[in-house]
Amino acid sequence: MDDTKNGKSGFQMIDVGAKAATARRAVAQGKIFLSGSSYLALVQGTNPKGDVLALAEIAGIQAAKNCATLLPLCHPLPLESVRLSFECDQVDRSVKVTCTAATTAKTGVEMEALCGVNGALLCIYDLSKAVDPVIS
C-alpha cells in the first residue's frame, strides 16, 4: 500500500457544489466504415435485424442517458435533450453519427454526447455484422 495516499486510490469526483447551473450543450461526431453489402443493407432497409439507423438512434439516446453509469467519475446529469443524426456516404460506404446533448447543470455534457455517438456506432456495427461479419 502506498502510504502517501493513506490507502486511498487518489480518484475523486470533482466537487461542483459551489458552481452555478448554466445552460450546457455539446456536439460529438464519429464515423463507421462498412463493407459494401452491409452498407447497402443499411441504406436499402434490407438488414435482417431491421431498421439499423432507427435502432442506432435509440441506442445513442440510451447511451447518453446512461453515461454516468459507464464512467465512474462522471456526474449524473438531468439531460434536457439528446438528438442524433446520421449521414450516409456512398463513396466510402460510411455512416457519420452526430450526437447533440443539452442540459442546465453545474458541469459539462460532453461525455454524454460522446457516449451517445459511441452507443449509436456500436449498434450500427452490431446490426451490420449480421450481413457481413467482416465490416471493413
Protein backbone atom coordinates (compact mmCIF):
# COMPACT_ATOMS: atom_id res chain seq x y z
CA MET A 1 0.00 0.00 0.00
CA ASP A 2 1.25 3.48 -0.85
CA ASP A 3 1.48 5.44 2.42
CA THR A 4 1.43 8.79 0.60
CA LYS A 5 -2.17 8.15 -0.39
CA ASN A 6 -3.24 6.92 3.06
CA GLY A 7 -4.77 3.84 1.50
CA LYS A 8 -6.89 5.85 -0.95
CA SER A 9 -6.98 5.33 -4.68
CA GLY A 10 -6.50 9.00 -5.45
CA PHE A 11 -9.65 9.04 -7.57
CA GLN A 12 -12.37 11.51 -6.75
CA MET A 13 -15.44 13.00 -8.28
CA ILE A 14 -14.85 16.73 -8.62
CA ASP A 15 -16.95 18.82 -6.22
CA VAL A 16 -19.16 21.11 -8.32
CA GLY A 17 -21.43 22.06 -5.41
CA ALA A 18 -20.42 25.73 -5.37
CA LYS A 19 -20.83 26.21 -9.13
CA ALA A 20 -23.93 27.77 -10.63
CA ALA A 21 -26.06 25.73 -13.00
CA THR A 22 -25.76 27.06 -16.55
CA ALA A 23 -27.02 26.00 -19.96
CA ARG A 24 -24.66 23.41 -21.43
CA ARG A 25 -24.56 21.93 -24.93
CA ALA A 26 -22.08 19.55 -26.56
CA VAL A 27 -21.79 18.03 -30.02
CA ALA A 28 -19.79 14.88 -30.78
CA GLN A 29 -19.27 13.00 -34.04
CA GLY A 30 -17.98 9.62 -35.08
CA LYS A 31 -17.86 7.55 -38.25
CA ILE A 32 -18.07 3.88 -39.12
CA PHE A 33 -16.93 2.34 -42.41
CA LEU A 34 -18.93 -0.65 -43.63
CA SER A 35 -18.45 -3.34 -46.24
CA GLY A 36 -20.34 -2.95 -49.49
CA SER A 37 -23.03 -5.46 -48.61
CA SER A 38 -23.61 -4.18 -45.08
CA TYR A 39 -23.76 -0.57 -46.32
CA LEU A 40 -26.31 -1.48 -48.98
CA ALA A 41 -28.45 -3.39 -46.46
CA LEU A 42 -28.39 -0.35 -44.17
CA VAL A 43 -29.40 2.23 -46.80
CA GLN A 44 -31.87 -0.05 -48.59
CA GLY A 45 -33.51 -1.17 -45.35
CA THR A 46 -32.87 -4.87 -46.00
CA ASN A 47 -30.82 -5.71 -42.93
CA PRO A 48 -32.34 -8.91 -41.47
CA LYS A 49 -32.32 -7.40 -37.96
CA GLY A 50 -34.44 -4.39 -39.02
CA ASP A 51 -34.02 -0.64 -39.44
CA VAL A 52 -30.40 -0.10 -38.44
CA LEU A 53 -30.46 3.68 -38.12
CA ALA A 54 -33.73 3.75 -36.16
CA LEU A 55 -32.34 1.35 -33.58
CA ALA A 56 -28.96 3.15 -33.57
CA GLU A 57 -30.78 6.39 -32.72
CA ILE A 58 -32.46 4.76 -29.74
CA ALA A 59 -29.17 3.14 -28.66
CA GLY A 60 -27.42 6.52 -28.85
CA ILE A 61 -30.04 8.24 -26.73
CA GLN A 62 -29.92 5.43 -24.18
CA ALA A 63 -26.11 5.53 -24.08
CA ALA A 64 -26.12 9.30 -23.44
CA LYS A 65 -28.67 8.86 -20.64
CA ASN A 66 -26.51 6.16 -19.00
CA CYS A 67 -23.14 7.92 -19.28
CA ALA A 68 -22.63 8.26 -15.51
CA THR A 69 -23.23 4.53 -15.12
CA LEU A 70 -20.46 3.74 -17.62
CA LEU A 71 -17.88 6.28 -16.44
CA PRO A 72 -17.22 6.10 -12.69
CA LEU A 73 -16.25 9.75 -12.12
CA CYS A 74 -18.83 11.30 -14.43
CA HIS A 75 -21.56 13.33 -12.71
CA PRO A 76 -25.10 12.12 -13.44
CA LEU A 77 -26.86 14.89 -15.33
CA PRO A 78 -30.53 15.66 -15.93
CA LEU A 79 -30.44 15.69 -19.73
CA GLU A 80 -32.90 18.06 -21.35
CA SER A 81 -32.23 17.00 -24.91
CA VAL A 82 -30.34 14.31 -26.81
CA ARG A 83 -30.51 14.31 -30.60
CA LEU A 84 -28.78 12.01 -33.05
CA SER A 85 -28.38 12.44 -36.77
CA PHE A 86 -26.84 10.22 -39.43
CA GLU A 87 -25.12 10.98 -42.74
CA CYS A 88 -24.56 8.10 -45.15
CA ASP A 89 -21.70 8.44 -47.66
CA GLN A 90 -21.98 6.08 -50.60
CA VAL A 91 -18.43 6.80 -51.83
CA ASP A 92 -16.62 5.43 -48.78
CA ARG A 93 -19.58 3.33 -47.51
CA SER A 94 -19.61 5.13 -44.18
CA VAL A 95 -22.12 6.48 -41.71
CA LYS A 96 -21.28 9.63 -39.76
CA VAL A 97 -23.12 9.92 -36.45
CA THR A 98 -23.64 13.27 -34.72
CA CYS A 99 -24.96 13.47 -31.16
CA THR A 100 -26.02 16.73 -29.55
CA ALA A 101 -26.72 16.72 -25.82
CA ALA A 102 -28.02 19.62 -23.73
CA THR A 103 -28.73 20.30 -20.07
CA THR A 104 -28.73 23.00 -17.45
CA ALA A 105 -26.23 21.86 -14.86
CA LYS A 106 -23.07 22.60 -12.91
CA THR A 107 -20.83 20.59 -15.24
CA GLY A 108 -20.46 19.95 -18.94
CA VAL A 109 -22.38 17.49 -21.07
CA GLU A 110 -19.62 16.48 -23.50
CA MET A 111 -19.22 12.99 -22.08
CA GLU A 112 -22.92 12.32 -22.65
CA ALA A 113 -22.61 13.42 -26.29
CA LEU A 114 -19.57 11.17 -26.73
CA CYS A 115 -21.37 8.22 -25.12
CA GLY A 116 -24.32 8.84 -27.43
CA VAL A 117 -22.13 8.69 -30.54
CA ASN A 118 -20.41 5.53 -29.34
CA GLY A 119 -23.69 3.82 -28.46
CA ALA A 120 -25.06 4.54 -31.93
CA LEU A 121 -21.86 3.39 -33.68
CA LEU A 122 -21.74 0.18 -31.66
CA CYS A 123 -25.36 -0.54 -32.55
CA ILE A 124 -24.67 0.02 -36.27
CA TYR A 125 -21.72 -2.37 -36.04
CA ASP A 126 -23.71 -4.99 -34.13
CA LEU A 127 -26.60 -4.99 -36.59
CA SER A 128 -24.40 -4.78 -39.70
CA LYS A 129 -22.29 -7.80 -38.84
CA ALA A 130 -25.41 -9.92 -39.47
CA VAL A 131 -24.95 -9.09 -43.17
CA ASP A 132 -21.16 -9.23 -43.27
CA PRO A 133 -19.07 -10.28 -40.25
CA VAL A 134 -16.04 -8.51 -41.78
CA ILE A 135 -17.31 -4.93 -41.63
CA SER A 136 -14.35 -3.26 -43.32
